[in-house]
Amino acid sequence: MGLLDSFSAVFTRLAFRFEFFFPQFIGFYIKRKLKEYKQNQLIDDYKVKSRRKGKYHYYFDVDLFFEKQKNGGETLWQKTKKDT
């Protein structure tokens, strides 16, 4: 057994000891990405709730808020999605 194999085995055991923090970590990265979208004005606002329901079972509630176009037509996020 090499050094890399033993390191990965120890890391895997340690990682799953902190399994109850996974929803907070994942929620943090979701919030970070949505904040970037808000700064680019692709969305107006957002709310993210994350919690642990049980071992290896998580609950994520993501609410996205978009402003309705006053003059009709497509919203900005629809236009950018079509262009890519």
N, C-alpha and C. Protein backbone atom coordinates (compact mmCIF):
# COMPACT_ATOMS: atom_id res chain seq x y z
N MET A 1 0.85 -1.18 0.00
CA MET A 1 0.00 0.00 0.00
C MET A 1 0.89 1.24 0.00
N GLY A 2 0.68 2.10 -0.97
CA GLY A 2 1.52 3.27 -1.10
C GLY A 2 1.06 4.42 -0.21
N LEU A 3 1.84 5.45 -0.26
CA LEU A 3 1.55 6.63 0.55
C LEU A 3 0.25 7.30 0.10
N LEU A 4 0.02 7.37 -1.18
CA LEU A 4 -1.20 7.99 -1.70
C LEU A 4 -2.44 7.20 -1.32
N ASP A 5 -2.35 5.88 -1.36
CA ASP A 5 -3.49 5.04 -0.96
C ASP A 5 -3.83 5.21 0.51
N SER A 6 -2.83 5.24 1.36
CA SER A 6 -3.08 5.38 2.80
C SER A 6 -3.62 6.78 3.11
N PHE A 7 -3.11 7.78 2.42
CA PHE A 7 -3.59 9.15 2.63
C PHE A 7 -5.06 9.27 2.22
N SER A 8 -5.43 8.69 1.08
CA SER A 8 -6.82 8.78 0.64
C SER A 8 -7.75 8.01 1.57
N ALA A 9 -7.30 6.89 2.13
CA ALA A 9 -8.12 6.13 3.07
C ALA A 9 -8.38 6.93 4.35
N VAL A 10 -7.35 7.56 4.86
CA VAL A 10 -7.50 8.37 6.08
C VAL A 10 -8.38 9.58 5.79
N PHE A 11 -8.17 10.23 4.66
CA PHE A 11 -8.97 11.41 4.30
C PHE A 11 -10.44 11.05 4.15
N THR A 12 -10.74 9.91 3.55
CA THR A 12 -12.12 9.48 3.37
C THR A 12 -12.79 9.24 4.71
N ARG A 13 -12.10 8.61 5.63
CA ARG A 13 -12.67 8.37 6.96
C ARG A 13 -12.93 9.69 7.69
N LEU A 14 -12.01 10.62 7.59
CA LEU A 14 -12.18 11.92 8.25
C LEU A 14 -13.29 12.74 7.62
N ALA A 15 -13.40 12.68 6.31
CA ALA A 15 -14.40 13.49 5.60
C ALA A 15 -15.81 13.10 6.02
N PHE A 16 -16.07 11.82 6.16
CA PHE A 16 -17.42 11.39 6.52
C PHE A 16 -17.71 11.52 8.01
N ARG A 17 -16.72 11.83 8.81
CA ARG A 17 -16.97 12.16 10.22
C ARG A 17 -17.65 13.52 10.34
N PHE A 18 -17.40 14.39 9.36
CA PHE A 18 -17.97 15.75 9.36
C PHE A 18 -19.13 15.87 8.38
N GLU A 19 -19.81 14.77 8.17
CA GLU A 19 -20.92 14.72 7.21
C GLU A 19 -22.05 15.68 7.55
N PHE A 20 -22.25 15.98 8.82
CA PHE A 20 -23.34 16.86 9.23
C PHE A 20 -23.09 18.31 8.82
N PHE A 21 -21.87 18.67 8.39
CA PHE A 21 -21.58 20.01 7.89
C PHE A 21 -21.79 20.15 6.38
N PHE A 22 -22.01 19.06 5.67
CA PHE A 22 -22.13 19.10 4.21
C PHE A 22 -23.20 20.07 3.72
N PRO A 23 -24.41 20.11 4.31
CA PRO A 23 -25.41 21.07 3.81
C PRO A 23 -24.96 22.53 3.92
N GLN A 24 -24.24 22.86 4.99
CA GLN A 24 -23.75 24.23 5.14
C GLN A 24 -22.71 24.56 4.07
N PHE A 25 -21.82 23.61 3.79
CA PHE A 25 -20.80 23.83 2.77
C PHE A 25 -21.43 23.97 1.39
N ILE A 26 -22.35 23.09 1.06
CA ILE A 26 -23.01 23.14 -0.24
C ILE A 26 -23.85 24.41 -0.37
N GLY A 27 -24.58 24.76 0.71
CA GLY A 27 -25.36 26.00 0.71
C GLY A 27 -24.49 27.23 0.53
N PHE A 28 -23.30 27.21 1.11
CA PHE A 28 -22.36 28.32 0.96
C PHE A 28 -21.97 28.51 -0.51
N TYR A 29 -21.67 27.42 -1.20
CA TYR A 29 -21.26 27.53 -2.60
C TYR A 29 -22.44 27.90 -3.50
N ILE A 30 -23.63 27.45 -3.18
CA ILE A 30 -24.81 27.86 -3.95
C ILE A 30 -25.05 29.36 -3.77
N LYS A 31 -24.96 29.84 -2.54
CA LYS A 31 -25.14 31.28 -2.27
C LYS A 31 -24.09 32.12 -2.98
N ARG A 32 -22.86 31.61 -3.02
CA ARG A 32 -21.78 32.34 -3.68
C ARG A 32 -22.06 32.50 -5.17
N LYS A 33 -22.53 31.43 -5.81
CA LYS A 33 -22.81 31.48 -7.24
C LYS A 33 -24.02 32.38 -7.52
N LEU A 34 -25.06 32.29 -6.67
CA LEU A 34 -26.23 33.14 -6.87
C LEU A 34 -25.91 34.61 -6.63
N LYS A 35 -24.99 34.89 -5.72
CA LYS A 35 -24.57 36.27 -5.50
C LYS A 35 -23.88 36.82 -6.75
N GLU A 36 -23.11 35.98 -7.41
CA GLU A 36 -22.46 36.38 -8.67
C GLU A 36 -23.52 36.67 -9.75
N TYR A 37 -24.55 35.82 -9.82
CA TYR A 37 -25.64 36.06 -10.78
C TYR A 37 -26.37 37.36 -10.48
N LYS A 38 -26.56 37.66 -9.19
CA LYS A 38 -27.24 38.89 -8.80
C LYS A 38 -26.41 40.12 -9.16
N GLN A 39 -25.09 40.04 -8.99
CA GLN A 39 -24.22 41.15 -9.34
C GLN A 39 -24.20 41.38 -10.85
N ASN A 40 -24.36 40.31 -11.62
CA ASN A 40 -24.42 40.43 -13.08
C ASN A 40 -25.83 40.75 -13.57
N GLN A 41 -26.76 40.94 -12.64
CA GLN A 41 -28.16 41.31 -12.90
C GLN A 41 -28.90 40.26 -13.72
N LEU A 42 -28.54 39.00 -13.53
CA LEU A 42 -29.29 37.92 -14.17
C LEU A 42 -30.51 37.54 -13.35
N ILE A 43 -30.43 37.75 -12.03
CA ILE A 43 -31.57 37.53 -11.14
C ILE A 43 -31.70 38.76 -10.25
N ASP A 44 -32.89 38.96 -9.67
CA ASP A 44 -33.09 40.10 -8.79
C ASP A 44 -32.73 39.79 -7.35
N ASP A 45 -33.12 38.63 -6.86
CA ASP A 45 -32.83 38.26 -5.49
C ASP A 45 -32.92 36.74 -5.34
N TYR A 46 -32.49 36.23 -4.21
CA TYR A 46 -32.50 34.80 -3.97
C TYR A 46 -32.56 34.52 -2.47
N LYS A 47 -33.01 33.34 -2.13
CA LYS A 47 -32.98 32.83 -0.76
C LYS A 47 -32.61 31.36 -0.84
N VAL A 48 -31.72 30.95 0.02
CA VAL A 48 -31.28 29.56 0.06
C VAL A 48 -31.38 29.06 1.49
N LYS A 49 -32.05 27.93 1.67
CA LYS A 49 -32.12 27.27 2.97
C LYS A 49 -31.59 25.85 2.79
N SER A 50 -30.71 25.46 3.68
CA SER A 50 -30.18 24.10 3.61
C SER A 50 -30.18 23.50 5.01
N ARG A 51 -30.54 22.24 5.08
CA ARG A 51 -30.51 21.56 6.38
C ARG A 51 -30.36 20.06 6.16
N ARG A 52 -29.98 19.43 7.22
CA ARG A 52 -29.77 17.98 7.21
C ARG A 52 -31.03 17.30 7.71
N LYS A 53 -31.57 16.40 6.91
CA LYS A 53 -32.79 15.67 7.31
C LYS A 53 -32.43 14.39 8.06
N GLY A 54 -31.36 13.78 7.70
CA GLY A 54 -30.90 12.53 8.30
C GLY A 54 -29.52 12.22 7.77
N LYS A 55 -29.01 11.09 8.14
CA LYS A 55 -27.67 10.74 7.67
C LYS A 55 -27.70 10.58 6.15
N TYR A 56 -26.88 11.37 5.48
CA TYR A 56 -26.76 11.40 4.02
C TYR A 56 -28.05 11.84 3.31
N HIS A 57 -28.94 12.53 4.00
CA HIS A 57 -30.16 13.08 3.41
C HIS A 57 -30.23 14.56 3.76
N TYR A 58 -30.33 15.40 2.72
CA TYR A 58 -30.27 16.84 2.91
C TYR A 58 -31.45 17.50 2.24
N TYR A 59 -31.77 18.70 2.70
CA TYR A 59 -32.89 19.48 2.17
C TYR A 59 -32.35 20.83 1.73
N PHE A 60 -32.59 21.18 0.47
CA PHE A 60 -32.18 22.48 -0.07
C PHE A 60 -33.40 23.16 -0.64
N ASP A 61 -33.65 24.37 -0.21
CA ASP A 61 -34.76 25.17 -0.71
C ASP A 61 -34.17 26.43 -1.33
N VAL A 62 -34.31 26.57 -2.64
CA VAL A 62 -33.74 27.70 -3.35
C VAL A 62 -34.88 28.49 -3.98
N ASP A 63 -35.01 29.75 -3.58
CA ASP A 63 -36.01 30.65 -4.15
C ASP A 63 -35.29 31.70 -4.99
N LEU A 64 -35.67 31.80 -6.26
CA LEU A 64 -35.11 32.81 -7.15
C LEU A 64 -36.19 33.82 -7.47
N PHE A 65 -35.83 35.09 -7.48
CA PHE A 65 -36.76 36.16 -7.76
C PHE A 65 -36.32 36.90 -9.02
N PHE A 66 -37.27 37.02 -9.96
CA PHE A 66 -37.04 37.72 -11.21
C PHE A 66 -38.01 38.88 -11.30
N GLU A 67 -37.56 39.99 -11.88
CA GLU A 67 -38.43 41.13 -12.09
C GLU A 67 -39.14 40.96 -13.42
N LYS A 68 -40.42 41.21 -13.42
CA LYS A 68 -41.20 41.10 -14.64
C LYS A 68 -40.86 42.28 -15.55
N GLN A 69 -40.69 41.99 -16.82
CA GLN A 69 -40.38 43.04 -17.79
C GLN A 69 -41.59 43.95 -17.97
N LYS A 70 -41.39 45.26 -17.89
CA LYS A 70 -42.48 46.21 -18.05
C LYS A 70 -42.88 46.36 -19.52
N ASN A 71 -41.90 46.29 -20.41
CA ASN A 71 -42.19 46.49 -21.82
C ASN A 71 -42.38 45.17 -22.57
N GLY A 72 -42.46 44.06 -21.85
CA GLY A 72 -42.64 42.77 -22.51
C GLY A 72 -41.33 42.24 -23.05
N GLY A 73 -41.40 41.17 -23.77
CA GLY A 73 -40.20 40.59 -24.35
C GLY A 73 -39.51 39.64 -23.41
N GLU A 74 -38.33 39.23 -23.81
CA GLU A 74 -37.57 38.26 -23.02
C GLU A 74 -36.81 38.95 -21.91
N THR A 75 -36.61 38.24 -20.83
CA THR A 75 -35.78 38.76 -19.76
C THR A 75 -34.32 38.60 -20.13
N LEU A 76 -33.46 39.25 -19.38
CA LEU A 76 -32.04 39.25 -19.67
C LEU A 76 -31.45 37.85 -19.60
N TRP A 77 -31.88 37.05 -18.61
CA TRP A 77 -31.29 35.72 -18.47
C TRP A 77 -31.70 34.80 -19.60
N GLN A 78 -32.87 35.02 -20.21
CA GLN A 78 -33.27 34.20 -21.35
C GLN A 78 -32.43 34.54 -22.57
N LYS A 79 -32.13 35.81 -22.76
CA LYS A 79 -31.30 36.22 -23.89
C LYS A 79 -29.90 35.67 -23.77
N THR A 80 -29.31 35.74 -22.59
CA THR A 80 -27.94 35.26 -22.44
C THR A 80 -27.88 33.74 -22.56
N LYS A 81 -28.92 33.04 -22.15
CA LYS A 81 -28.94 31.58 -22.27
C LYS A 81 -29.00 31.18 -23.74
N LYS A 82 -29.75 31.92 -24.56
CA LYS A 82 -29.85 31.60 -25.98
C LYS A 82 -28.54 31.90 -26.70
N ASP A 83 -27.81 32.93 -26.25
CA ASP A 83 -26.58 33.31 -26.93
C ASP A 83 -25.44 32.32 -26.70
N THR A 84 -25.49 31.55 -25.62
CA THR A 84 -24.39 30.63 -25.32
C THR A 84 -24.57 29.30 -25.99
